[in-house]
């Protein structure tokens, strides 16, 4: 079952074992796709940005992707 939540400029789409978080801003967005494993762990499966019609994947290992994700969450909460 697919569920969508919107919190201001943050949109969360939950389906099965996957959450898609979209951090929207004036002319684009940053998206993280998080997959939850059966052992309770989570990993960022995909991360990408889009700005004024252009976009690309965000490259990096899990540690750098989680750091970027944390900074986006922290920014949205304040």
C-alpha atoms as a PDB file:
ATOM      1  CA  UNK A   1       0.000   0.000   0.000  1.00  0.00           C
ATOM      2  CA  UNK A   2       1.298   3.445  -0.960  1.00  0.00           C
ATOM      3  CA  UNK A   3       0.924   6.358   1.474  1.00  0.00           C
ATOM      4  CA  UNK A   4       1.938   9.977   0.905  1.00  0.00           C
ATOM      5  CA  UNK A   5       2.577  12.572   3.611  1.00  0.00           C
ATOM      6  CA  UNK A   6       3.299  16.260   3.057  1.00  0.00           C
ATOM      7  CA  UNK A   7       4.915  18.517   5.646  1.00  0.00           C
ATOM      8  CA  UNK A   8       5.402  21.928   4.062  1.00  0.00           C
ATOM      9  CA  UNK A   9       8.128  21.491   1.453  1.00  0.00           C
ATOM     10  CA  UNK A  10       8.897  17.907   2.570  1.00  0.00           C
ATOM     11  CA  UNK A  11       7.039  15.031   0.908  1.00  0.00           C
ATOM     12  CA  UNK A  12       7.295  11.407   2.085  1.00  0.00           C
ATOM     13  CA  UNK A  13       6.035   8.492   0.013  1.00  0.00           C
ATOM     14  CA  UNK A  14       5.944   5.157   1.883  1.00  0.00           C
ATOM     15  CA  UNK A  15       5.403   1.846   0.140  1.00  0.00           C
ATOM     16  CA  UNK A  16       6.263  -1.650   1.406  1.00  0.00           C
ATOM     17  CA  UNK A  17       9.870  -1.564   2.657  1.00  0.00           C
ATOM     18  CA  UNK A  18      10.770   1.753   0.957  1.00  0.00           C
ATOM     19  CA  UNK A  19      10.398   5.445   1.813  1.00  0.00           C
ATOM     20  CA  UNK A  20      10.995   8.212  -0.703  1.00  0.00           C
ATOM     21  CA  UNK A  21      11.724  11.601   0.867  1.00  0.00           C
ATOM     22  CA  UNK A  22      11.573  14.677  -1.341  1.00  0.00           C
ATOM     23  CA  UNK A  23      13.013  17.930  -0.019  1.00  0.00           C
ATOM     24  CA  UNK A  24      11.486  20.580  -2.263  1.00  0.00           C
ATOM     25  CA  UNK A  25      12.705  24.146  -2.651  1.00  0.00           C
ATOM     26  CA  UNK A  26      11.913  27.057  -4.935  1.00  0.00           C
ATOM     27  CA  UNK A  27      13.285  25.659  -8.193  1.00  0.00           C
ATOM     28  CA  UNK A  28      14.085  22.019  -7.521  1.00  0.00           C
ATOM     29  CA  UNK A  29      14.349  19.172  -5.075  1.00  0.00           C
ATOM     30  CA  UNK A  30      16.650  16.631  -3.449  1.00  0.00           C
ATOM     31  CA  UNK A  31      15.304  13.067  -3.181  1.00  0.00           C
ATOM     32  CA  UNK A  32      16.439  10.146  -1.038  1.00  0.00           C
ATOM     33  CA  UNK A  33      15.088   6.597  -1.431  1.00  0.00           C
ATOM     34  CA  UNK A  34      15.505   4.603   1.770  1.00  0.00           C
ATOM     35  CA  UNK A  35      15.122   0.812   1.829  1.00  0.00           C
ATOM     36  CA  UNK A  36      14.486  -1.075   5.082  1.00  0.00           C
ATOM     37  CA  UNK A  37      15.905  -4.581   5.397  1.00  0.00           C
ATOM     38  CA  UNK A  38      14.404  -7.490   7.323  1.00  0.00           C
ATOM     39  CA  UNK A  39      17.186  -7.265   9.922  1.00  0.00           C
ATOM     40  CA  UNK A  40      15.996  -3.753  10.879  1.00  0.00           C
ATOM     41  CA  UNK A  41      18.749  -1.863   9.116  1.00  0.00           C
ATOM     42  CA  UNK A  42      18.182   0.798   6.474  1.00  0.00           C
ATOM     43  CA  UNK A  43      20.220   1.989   3.528  1.00  0.00           C
ATOM     44  CA  UNK A  44      19.931   4.825   1.071  1.00  0.00           C
ATOM     45  CA  UNK A  45      19.267   3.038  -2.205  1.00  0.00           C
ATOM     46  CA  UNK A  46      19.219   6.155  -4.405  1.00  0.00           C
ATOM     47  CA  UNK A  47      19.803   9.858  -3.916  1.00  0.00           C
ATOM     48  CA  UNK A  48      19.477  12.513  -6.577  1.00  0.00           C
ATOM     49  CA  UNK A  49      18.912  16.204  -7.143  1.00  0.00           C
ATOM     50  CA  UNK A  50      16.875  18.154  -9.672  1.00  0.00           C
ATOM     51  CA  UNK A  51      17.193  21.888 -10.359  1.00  0.00           C
ATOM     52  CA  UNK A  52      15.291  23.811 -13.034  1.00  0.00           C
ATOM     53  CA  UNK A  53      14.827  20.736 -15.249  1.00  0.00           C
ATOM     54  CA  UNK A  54      18.352  19.361 -14.762  1.00  0.00           C
ATOM     55  CA  UNK A  55      19.354  16.629 -12.376  1.00  0.00           C
ATOM     56  CA  UNK A  56      21.758  13.848 -11.511  1.00  0.00           C
ATOM     57  CA  UNK A  57      22.405  11.153  -8.919  1.00  0.00           C
ATOM     58  CA  UNK A  58      24.140  12.146  -5.696  1.00  0.00           C
ATOM     59  CA  UNK A  59      27.226   9.962  -5.501  1.00  0.00           C
ATOM     60  CA  UNK A  60      28.876   8.712  -2.345  1.00  0.00           C
ATOM     61  CA  UNK A  61      29.110   5.874   0.122  1.00  0.00           C
ATOM     62  CA  UNK A  62      26.414   5.225   2.718  1.00  0.00           C
ATOM     63  CA  UNK A  63      28.170   7.357   5.331  1.00  0.00           C
ATOM     64  CA  UNK A  64      28.296  10.457   3.128  1.00  0.00           C
ATOM     65  CA  UNK A  65      24.718   9.917   1.883  1.00  0.00           C
ATOM     66  CA  UNK A  66      23.394   9.589   5.456  1.00  0.00           C
ATOM     67  CA  UNK A  67      25.282  12.752   6.457  1.00  0.00           C
ATOM     68  CA  UNK A  68      23.681  14.651   3.573  1.00  0.00           C
ATOM     69  CA  UNK A  69      20.267  13.212   4.511  1.00  0.00           C
ATOM     70  CA  UNK A  70      20.746  14.219   8.164  1.00  0.00           C
ATOM     71  CA  UNK A  71      21.595  17.789   7.172  1.00  0.00           C
ATOM     72  CA  UNK A  72      18.450  18.012   5.022  1.00  0.00           C
ATOM     73  CA  UNK A  73      16.259  16.701   7.867  1.00  0.00           C
ATOM     74  CA  UNK A  74      17.910  19.096  10.342  1.00  0.00           C
ATOM     75  CA  UNK A  75      17.360  22.010   7.956  1.00  0.00           C
ATOM     76  CA  UNK A  76      13.645  21.154   7.512  1.00  0.00           C
ATOM     77  CA  UNK A  77      13.033  20.861  11.263  1.00  0.00           C
ATOM     78  CA  UNK A  78      14.295  24.377  12.001  1.00  0.00           C
END
